[in-house]
N, C-alpha and C. Protein backbone atom coordinates (compact mmCIF):
# COMPACT_ATOMS: atom_id res chain seq x y z
N MET A 1 -15.30 -0.45 21.94
CA MET A 1 -14.95 0.96 21.81
C MET A 1 -15.89 1.60 20.80
N ASP A 2 -16.25 2.82 21.10
CA ASP A 2 -16.97 3.58 20.09
C ASP A 2 -16.10 4.75 19.65
N LYS A 3 -16.53 5.44 18.62
CA LYS A 3 -15.75 6.53 18.03
C LYS A 3 -15.43 7.62 19.05
N GLU A 4 -16.41 7.96 19.86
CA GLU A 4 -16.23 9.02 20.84
C GLU A 4 -15.18 8.66 21.88
N GLN A 5 -15.16 7.40 22.30
CA GLN A 5 -14.15 6.95 23.27
C GLN A 5 -12.74 7.03 22.67
N ILE A 6 -12.62 6.69 21.42
CA ILE A 6 -11.31 6.76 20.76
C ILE A 6 -10.84 8.21 20.68
N LEU A 7 -11.73 9.09 20.27
CA LEU A 7 -11.37 10.51 20.18
C LEU A 7 -11.04 11.08 21.55
N GLU A 8 -11.80 10.72 22.55
CA GLU A 8 -11.54 11.19 23.92
C GLU A 8 -10.17 10.71 24.40
N TYR A 9 -9.85 9.44 24.11
CA TYR A 9 -8.53 8.92 24.48
C TYR A 9 -7.43 9.78 23.86
N CYS A 10 -7.55 10.07 22.59
CA CYS A 10 -6.52 10.86 21.90
C CYS A 10 -6.38 12.25 22.50
N LEU A 11 -7.49 12.93 22.68
CA LEU A 11 -7.44 14.30 23.19
C LEU A 11 -6.93 14.34 24.63
N THR A 12 -7.19 13.30 25.39
CA THR A 12 -6.77 13.25 26.80
C THR A 12 -5.30 12.84 26.96
N HIS A 13 -4.84 11.90 26.13
CA HIS A 13 -3.51 11.32 26.32
C HIS A 13 -2.44 11.82 25.34
N LEU A 14 -2.83 12.58 24.34
CA LEU A 14 -1.87 13.02 23.33
C LEU A 14 -1.89 14.55 23.25
N PRO A 15 -1.08 15.21 24.06
CA PRO A 15 -1.10 16.68 24.11
C PRO A 15 -0.84 17.30 22.74
N GLY A 16 -1.56 18.38 22.46
CA GLY A 16 -1.37 19.09 21.21
C GLY A 16 -2.20 18.57 20.06
N THR A 17 -3.09 17.60 20.35
CA THR A 17 -3.93 17.06 19.28
C THR A 17 -5.25 17.81 19.20
N ILE A 18 -5.79 17.82 17.99
CA ILE A 18 -7.09 18.41 17.73
C ILE A 18 -7.89 17.44 16.87
N VAL A 19 -9.19 17.64 16.83
CA VAL A 19 -10.08 16.81 16.03
C VAL A 19 -10.74 17.68 14.98
N SER A 20 -10.82 17.15 13.76
CA SER A 20 -11.45 17.88 12.67
C SER A 20 -12.23 16.90 11.80
N ASP A 21 -13.43 17.29 11.39
CA ASP A 21 -14.25 16.48 10.49
C ASP A 21 -14.12 16.98 9.07
N SER A 22 -13.88 16.05 8.15
CA SER A 22 -13.87 16.41 6.74
C SER A 22 -13.86 15.14 5.90
N TRP A 23 -14.37 15.24 4.68
CA TRP A 23 -14.36 14.14 3.70
C TRP A 23 -14.97 12.85 4.24
N GLY A 24 -15.99 12.97 5.08
CA GLY A 24 -16.66 11.77 5.59
C GLY A 24 -15.89 11.03 6.64
N GLU A 25 -14.95 11.70 7.27
CA GLU A 25 -14.19 11.07 8.34
C GLU A 25 -13.83 12.11 9.39
N THR A 26 -13.44 11.63 10.54
CA THR A 26 -12.97 12.48 11.62
C THR A 26 -11.48 12.24 11.76
N GLY A 27 -10.70 13.30 11.71
CA GLY A 27 -9.25 13.18 11.81
C GLY A 27 -8.74 13.70 13.13
N VAL A 28 -7.73 13.03 13.66
CA VAL A 28 -6.99 13.53 14.82
C VAL A 28 -5.65 13.99 14.30
N PHE A 29 -5.35 15.25 14.54
CA PHE A 29 -4.14 15.90 14.06
C PHE A 29 -3.28 16.37 15.21
N TYR A 30 -1.98 16.36 15.01
CA TYR A 30 -1.08 17.03 15.95
C TYR A 30 -0.92 18.45 15.44
N ASN A 31 -1.34 19.42 16.25
CA ASN A 31 -1.26 20.81 15.83
C ASN A 31 -1.32 21.72 17.06
N PRO A 32 -0.27 21.69 17.89
CA PRO A 32 -0.30 22.51 19.11
C PRO A 32 -0.37 24.00 18.78
N ASN A 33 -1.25 24.69 19.47
CA ASN A 33 -1.42 26.14 19.30
C ASN A 33 -1.69 26.54 17.86
N SER A 34 -2.30 25.65 17.07
CA SER A 34 -2.62 25.90 15.67
C SER A 34 -1.39 26.38 14.89
N GLY A 35 -0.25 25.72 15.14
CA GLY A 35 1.01 26.10 14.50
C GLY A 35 1.03 25.91 13.00
N LEU A 36 0.19 25.03 12.49
CA LEU A 36 0.04 24.81 11.06
C LEU A 36 -1.42 25.03 10.70
N LYS A 37 -1.68 25.23 9.43
CA LYS A 37 -3.06 25.47 9.01
C LYS A 37 -3.97 24.32 9.43
N ARG A 38 -3.53 23.10 9.23
CA ARG A 38 -4.35 21.93 9.52
C ARG A 38 -3.72 21.04 10.58
N GLY A 39 -2.43 20.88 10.56
CA GLY A 39 -1.75 19.97 11.46
C GLY A 39 -1.31 18.72 10.73
N ILE A 40 -0.83 17.73 11.49
CA ILE A 40 -0.33 16.48 10.93
C ILE A 40 -1.22 15.34 11.39
N TYR A 41 -1.72 14.56 10.44
CA TYR A 41 -2.57 13.40 10.77
C TYR A 41 -1.86 12.41 11.68
N LEU A 42 -2.59 11.92 12.68
CA LEU A 42 -2.17 10.75 13.47
C LEU A 42 -3.05 9.57 13.09
N LEU A 43 -4.35 9.86 13.10
CA LEU A 43 -5.31 8.81 12.80
C LEU A 43 -6.60 9.42 12.30
N THR A 44 -7.41 8.58 11.71
CA THR A 44 -8.73 9.01 11.27
C THR A 44 -9.76 7.94 11.65
N ILE A 45 -11.00 8.37 11.70
CA ILE A 45 -12.11 7.45 11.86
C ILE A 45 -13.04 7.69 10.68
N LYS A 46 -13.15 6.69 9.85
CA LYS A 46 -13.96 6.81 8.63
C LYS A 46 -15.32 6.15 8.88
N ASN A 47 -16.37 6.90 8.55
CA ASN A 47 -17.73 6.47 8.87
C ASN A 47 -18.51 5.88 7.71
N LYS A 48 -18.04 6.13 6.49
CA LYS A 48 -18.81 5.68 5.33
C LYS A 48 -17.88 5.43 4.16
N ASP A 49 -18.37 4.64 3.24
CA ASP A 49 -17.62 4.39 2.01
C ASP A 49 -17.45 5.68 1.23
N GLY A 50 -16.34 5.77 0.53
CA GLY A 50 -16.09 6.89 -0.36
C GLY A 50 -16.02 6.40 -1.79
N ALA A 51 -15.94 7.32 -2.71
CA ALA A 51 -15.91 6.96 -4.13
C ALA A 51 -14.75 6.03 -4.46
N HIS A 52 -13.61 6.19 -3.77
CA HIS A 52 -12.43 5.38 -4.07
C HIS A 52 -12.05 4.45 -2.93
N ASP A 53 -12.98 4.22 -2.01
CA ASP A 53 -12.66 3.41 -0.84
C ASP A 53 -13.94 2.74 -0.34
N LYS A 54 -14.24 1.59 -0.94
CA LYS A 54 -15.44 0.84 -0.57
C LYS A 54 -15.12 -0.54 -0.02
N SER A 55 -13.86 -0.89 0.06
CA SER A 55 -13.46 -2.26 0.39
C SER A 55 -13.80 -2.69 1.81
N SER A 56 -14.00 -1.74 2.71
CA SER A 56 -14.34 -2.11 4.09
C SER A 56 -15.85 -2.21 4.31
N ILE A 57 -16.62 -1.86 3.30
CA ILE A 57 -18.08 -1.90 3.36
C ILE A 57 -18.56 -1.14 4.61
N LEU A 58 -18.16 0.12 4.69
CA LEU A 58 -18.47 0.95 5.86
C LEU A 58 -19.92 1.41 5.89
N ASN A 59 -20.65 1.22 4.83
CA ASN A 59 -22.05 1.64 4.82
C ASN A 59 -22.95 0.68 5.61
N ARG A 60 -22.38 -0.35 6.22
CA ARG A 60 -23.15 -1.23 7.09
C ARG A 60 -23.49 -0.47 8.39
N GLU A 61 -24.63 -0.76 8.95
CA GLU A 61 -25.09 -0.10 10.17
C GLU A 61 -24.07 -0.27 11.30
N GLY A 62 -23.63 0.86 11.88
CA GLY A 62 -22.76 0.84 13.05
C GLY A 62 -21.30 0.52 12.78
N VAL A 63 -20.89 0.44 11.53
CA VAL A 63 -19.50 0.08 11.20
C VAL A 63 -18.69 1.34 10.95
N PHE A 64 -17.50 1.39 11.55
CA PHE A 64 -16.55 2.46 11.29
C PHE A 64 -15.16 1.85 11.22
N ARG A 65 -14.23 2.60 10.65
CA ARG A 65 -12.86 2.11 10.53
C ARG A 65 -11.91 3.10 11.17
N LEU A 66 -11.11 2.62 12.10
CA LEU A 66 -10.04 3.39 12.71
C LEU A 66 -8.79 3.19 11.86
N ASN A 67 -8.20 4.29 11.38
CA ASN A 67 -7.01 4.26 10.54
C ASN A 67 -5.87 4.94 11.28
N ILE A 68 -4.70 4.32 11.31
CA ILE A 68 -3.57 4.84 12.07
C ILE A 68 -2.33 4.88 11.18
N CYS A 69 -1.63 6.02 11.21
CA CYS A 69 -0.41 6.20 10.44
C CYS A 69 0.80 5.79 11.28
N ILE A 70 1.44 4.69 10.93
CA ILE A 70 2.60 4.22 11.68
C ILE A 70 3.85 4.28 10.79
N ARG A 71 4.98 4.04 11.41
CA ARG A 71 6.23 4.02 10.64
C ARG A 71 6.24 2.82 9.69
N LYS A 72 6.85 3.02 8.53
CA LYS A 72 6.92 1.92 7.57
C LYS A 72 7.69 0.73 8.13
N SER A 73 8.68 0.99 8.97
CA SER A 73 9.43 -0.12 9.57
C SER A 73 8.52 -0.98 10.46
N THR A 74 7.61 -0.35 11.16
CA THR A 74 6.65 -1.10 11.99
C THR A 74 5.66 -1.83 11.11
N PHE A 75 5.20 -1.18 10.06
CA PHE A 75 4.29 -1.81 9.11
C PHE A 75 4.92 -3.09 8.56
N LEU A 76 6.20 -3.00 8.20
CA LEU A 76 6.91 -4.19 7.68
C LEU A 76 6.95 -5.32 8.71
N LYS A 77 7.19 -4.99 9.96
CA LYS A 77 7.21 -6.02 11.01
C LYS A 77 5.84 -6.67 11.16
N LEU A 78 4.79 -5.89 11.01
CA LEU A 78 3.43 -6.42 11.18
C LEU A 78 2.95 -7.23 9.99
N PHE A 79 3.28 -6.78 8.78
CA PHE A 79 2.67 -7.37 7.58
C PHE A 79 3.67 -7.96 6.58
N GLY A 80 4.97 -7.82 6.82
CA GLY A 80 5.96 -8.47 5.99
C GLY A 80 6.40 -7.74 4.74
N SER A 81 5.57 -6.86 4.22
CA SER A 81 5.94 -6.09 3.03
C SER A 81 5.07 -4.85 2.95
N ILE A 82 5.56 -3.90 2.18
CA ILE A 82 4.79 -2.69 1.90
C ILE A 82 4.33 -2.79 0.45
N PRO A 83 3.02 -2.70 0.24
CA PRO A 83 2.52 -2.86 -1.13
C PRO A 83 2.80 -1.63 -1.99
N HIS A 84 2.64 -1.82 -3.28
CA HIS A 84 2.71 -0.71 -4.21
C HIS A 84 1.46 0.15 -4.06
N ARG A 85 1.58 1.40 -4.45
CA ARG A 85 0.42 2.30 -4.45
C ARG A 85 -0.61 1.78 -5.44
N PRO A 86 -1.87 1.64 -5.01
CA PRO A 86 -2.88 1.14 -5.95
C PRO A 86 -3.30 2.20 -6.95
N LEU A 87 -3.84 1.76 -8.06
CA LEU A 87 -4.41 2.68 -9.03
C LEU A 87 -5.63 3.36 -8.43
N ALA A 88 -6.00 4.52 -8.93
CA ALA A 88 -7.16 5.25 -8.42
C ALA A 88 -8.39 4.35 -8.39
N GLY A 89 -9.06 4.33 -7.27
CA GLY A 89 -10.27 3.53 -7.12
C GLY A 89 -10.02 2.07 -6.80
N GLN A 90 -8.76 1.67 -6.69
CA GLN A 90 -8.41 0.28 -6.39
C GLN A 90 -7.90 0.16 -4.95
N VAL A 91 -7.71 -1.07 -4.48
CA VAL A 91 -7.13 -1.32 -3.16
C VAL A 91 -5.74 -1.91 -3.33
N VAL A 92 -4.98 -1.89 -2.26
CA VAL A 92 -3.64 -2.46 -2.31
C VAL A 92 -3.72 -3.96 -2.59
N ASP A 93 -2.68 -4.47 -3.21
CA ASP A 93 -2.63 -5.89 -3.55
C ASP A 93 -2.05 -6.66 -2.36
N MET A 94 -2.91 -6.97 -1.42
CA MET A 94 -2.52 -7.73 -0.24
C MET A 94 -3.66 -8.71 0.08
N PRO A 95 -3.32 -9.88 0.61
CA PRO A 95 -4.33 -10.93 0.80
C PRO A 95 -5.14 -10.78 2.09
N TYR A 96 -5.94 -9.72 2.17
CA TYR A 96 -6.73 -9.47 3.37
C TYR A 96 -8.18 -9.19 3.01
N ASP A 97 -9.07 -9.52 3.93
CA ASP A 97 -10.47 -9.14 3.83
C ASP A 97 -10.61 -7.82 4.58
N PHE A 98 -10.66 -6.72 3.85
CA PHE A 98 -10.67 -5.39 4.45
C PHE A 98 -12.00 -5.03 5.12
N SER A 99 -12.96 -5.95 5.11
CA SER A 99 -14.24 -5.72 5.76
C SER A 99 -14.34 -6.47 7.10
N GLU A 100 -13.27 -7.13 7.50
CA GLU A 100 -13.27 -7.92 8.74
C GLU A 100 -13.17 -7.00 9.96
N SER A 101 -14.03 -7.22 10.94
CA SER A 101 -14.06 -6.39 12.15
C SER A 101 -13.06 -6.86 13.19
N ASP A 102 -12.64 -5.91 14.02
CA ASP A 102 -11.80 -6.15 15.20
C ASP A 102 -10.51 -6.90 14.88
N THR A 103 -9.95 -6.63 13.70
CA THR A 103 -8.71 -7.26 13.25
C THR A 103 -7.79 -6.17 12.70
N MET A 104 -6.54 -6.18 13.14
CA MET A 104 -5.58 -5.21 12.60
C MET A 104 -5.26 -5.61 11.16
N LEU A 105 -5.43 -4.65 10.25
CA LEU A 105 -5.24 -4.88 8.83
C LEU A 105 -4.41 -3.74 8.22
N PRO A 106 -3.78 -4.00 7.08
CA PRO A 106 -3.23 -2.88 6.32
C PRO A 106 -4.40 -2.01 5.86
N HIS A 107 -4.19 -0.73 5.74
CA HIS A 107 -5.23 0.13 5.21
C HIS A 107 -5.47 -0.26 3.75
N PRO A 108 -6.72 -0.39 3.33
CA PRO A 108 -6.97 -0.88 1.97
C PRO A 108 -6.47 0.03 0.85
N VAL A 109 -6.32 1.31 1.12
CA VAL A 109 -5.84 2.24 0.09
C VAL A 109 -4.46 2.80 0.43
N TYR A 110 -4.23 3.13 1.70
CA TYR A 110 -3.00 3.84 2.09
C TYR A 110 -1.95 2.97 2.79
N ALA A 111 -2.04 1.67 2.65
CA ALA A 111 -1.02 0.78 3.23
C ALA A 111 0.36 1.11 2.68
N TRP A 112 0.44 1.52 1.44
CA TRP A 112 1.73 1.85 0.82
C TRP A 112 2.40 3.02 1.53
N MET A 113 1.63 3.80 2.30
CA MET A 113 2.17 4.93 3.06
C MET A 113 2.43 4.55 4.53
N GLY A 114 2.12 3.30 4.90
CA GLY A 114 2.32 2.86 6.27
C GLY A 114 1.10 2.98 7.16
N TRP A 115 -0.07 3.07 6.58
CA TRP A 115 -1.31 3.16 7.37
C TRP A 115 -1.86 1.77 7.63
N ILE A 116 -2.40 1.60 8.83
CA ILE A 116 -3.09 0.37 9.22
C ILE A 116 -4.52 0.74 9.58
N CYS A 117 -5.37 -0.27 9.80
CA CYS A 117 -6.74 0.01 10.19
C CYS A 117 -7.33 -1.14 10.99
N VAL A 118 -8.41 -0.82 11.69
CA VAL A 118 -9.22 -1.80 12.40
C VAL A 118 -10.67 -1.34 12.31
N LEU A 119 -11.53 -2.23 11.87
CA LEU A 119 -12.96 -1.92 11.87
C LEU A 119 -13.53 -2.26 13.24
N ASN A 120 -14.24 -1.31 13.83
CA ASN A 120 -14.92 -1.48 15.11
C ASN A 120 -14.04 -2.20 16.14
N PRO A 121 -12.93 -1.58 16.55
CA PRO A 121 -12.06 -2.25 17.52
C PRO A 121 -12.76 -2.47 18.87
N SER A 122 -12.57 -3.64 19.42
CA SER A 122 -13.07 -3.95 20.76
C SER A 122 -12.17 -3.24 21.78
N ASP A 123 -12.58 -3.24 23.03
CA ASP A 123 -11.74 -2.67 24.09
C ASP A 123 -10.38 -3.37 24.11
N LYS A 124 -10.39 -4.68 24.00
CA LYS A 124 -9.14 -5.46 24.03
C LYS A 124 -8.24 -5.09 22.85
N LYS A 125 -8.81 -4.99 21.67
CA LYS A 125 -8.01 -4.64 20.49
C LYS A 125 -7.48 -3.22 20.61
N PHE A 126 -8.29 -2.30 21.15
CA PHE A 126 -7.84 -0.93 21.32
C PHE A 126 -6.63 -0.87 22.26
N GLU A 127 -6.64 -1.67 23.30
CA GLU A 127 -5.48 -1.73 24.20
C GLU A 127 -4.23 -2.15 23.43
N GLN A 128 -4.37 -3.08 22.50
CA GLN A 128 -3.25 -3.53 21.68
C GLN A 128 -2.80 -2.44 20.70
N LEU A 129 -3.72 -1.55 20.33
CA LEU A 129 -3.41 -0.48 19.40
C LEU A 129 -2.74 0.73 20.06
N LYS A 130 -2.86 0.85 21.36
CA LYS A 130 -2.33 2.04 22.04
C LYS A 130 -0.84 2.29 21.76
N PRO A 131 0.02 1.26 21.77
CA PRO A 131 1.43 1.54 21.41
C PRO A 131 1.58 2.06 19.97
N LEU A 132 0.73 1.61 19.06
CA LEU A 132 0.79 2.08 17.68
C LEU A 132 0.25 3.50 17.57
N ILE A 133 -0.73 3.84 18.37
CA ILE A 133 -1.24 5.21 18.41
C ILE A 133 -0.15 6.13 18.97
N SER A 134 0.57 5.66 19.99
CA SER A 134 1.70 6.44 20.52
C SER A 134 2.77 6.63 19.45
N GLU A 135 3.03 5.61 18.67
CA GLU A 135 3.99 5.72 17.58
C GLU A 135 3.52 6.74 16.54
N ALA A 136 2.24 6.69 16.22
CA ALA A 136 1.67 7.65 15.26
C ALA A 136 1.82 9.08 15.80
N TYR A 137 1.64 9.24 17.09
CA TYR A 137 1.78 10.54 17.73
C TYR A 137 3.22 11.04 17.62
N GLU A 138 4.18 10.18 17.94
CA GLU A 138 5.60 10.55 17.84
C GLU A 138 5.97 10.90 16.40
N LEU A 139 5.48 10.12 15.46
CA LEU A 139 5.74 10.37 14.04
C LEU A 139 5.15 11.71 13.61
N ALA A 140 3.95 12.01 14.08
CA ALA A 140 3.31 13.29 13.75
C ALA A 140 4.10 14.46 14.32
N ILE A 141 4.62 14.31 15.53
CA ILE A 141 5.45 15.38 16.11
C ILE A 141 6.68 15.62 15.25
N GLU A 142 7.34 14.54 14.83
CA GLU A 142 8.53 14.67 13.98
C GLU A 142 8.19 15.41 12.68
N LYS A 143 7.10 15.04 12.05
CA LYS A 143 6.69 15.69 10.80
C LYS A 143 6.33 17.15 11.04
N TYR A 144 5.67 17.40 12.13
CA TYR A 144 5.27 18.77 12.49
C TYR A 144 6.52 19.65 12.65
N LEU A 145 7.50 19.15 13.38
CA LEU A 145 8.72 19.93 13.62
C LEU A 145 9.47 20.20 12.32
N LYS A 146 9.49 19.26 11.39
CA LYS A 146 10.12 19.47 10.09
C LYS A 146 9.39 20.55 9.30
N ARG A 147 8.08 20.55 9.36
CA ARG A 147 7.30 21.55 8.62
C ARG A 147 7.41 22.93 9.21
N ARG A 148 7.63 23.01 10.51
CA ARG A 148 7.71 24.30 11.18
C ARG A 148 9.06 24.98 10.98
N LYS A 149 10.06 24.26 10.47
CA LYS A 149 11.39 24.85 10.25
C LYS A 149 11.38 25.83 9.13
């Protein structure tokens, strides 16, 4: 899978989503009819290391990280625990190599919020991620509806 295929999948299969580039990443938001200023994040694709997020070594040629916001209950089923919020510039205290490709991992910084990630997902891995992307979509709709009240 490449970044464009992932974004195309989202825009085609998740009604009400939009794509926006900012802070060195591309975000997919739920925001039907621009009901909110920005919308609600579903997922992001990060293309490069940031000042507080270098653990995935994204500055390698051709490497990107797909980040997905899932429910904390699902995160717990996948990884067994939710870590504490890391200090600024640090990563979560979990025993993972956050630079490993094509492997579902806790997000190195935002795992405490229920985010997961995969570096350069293969077609097969992306198929496995589709139910989690659907969950992220449902979660974004719920958050959107709460904000619109």
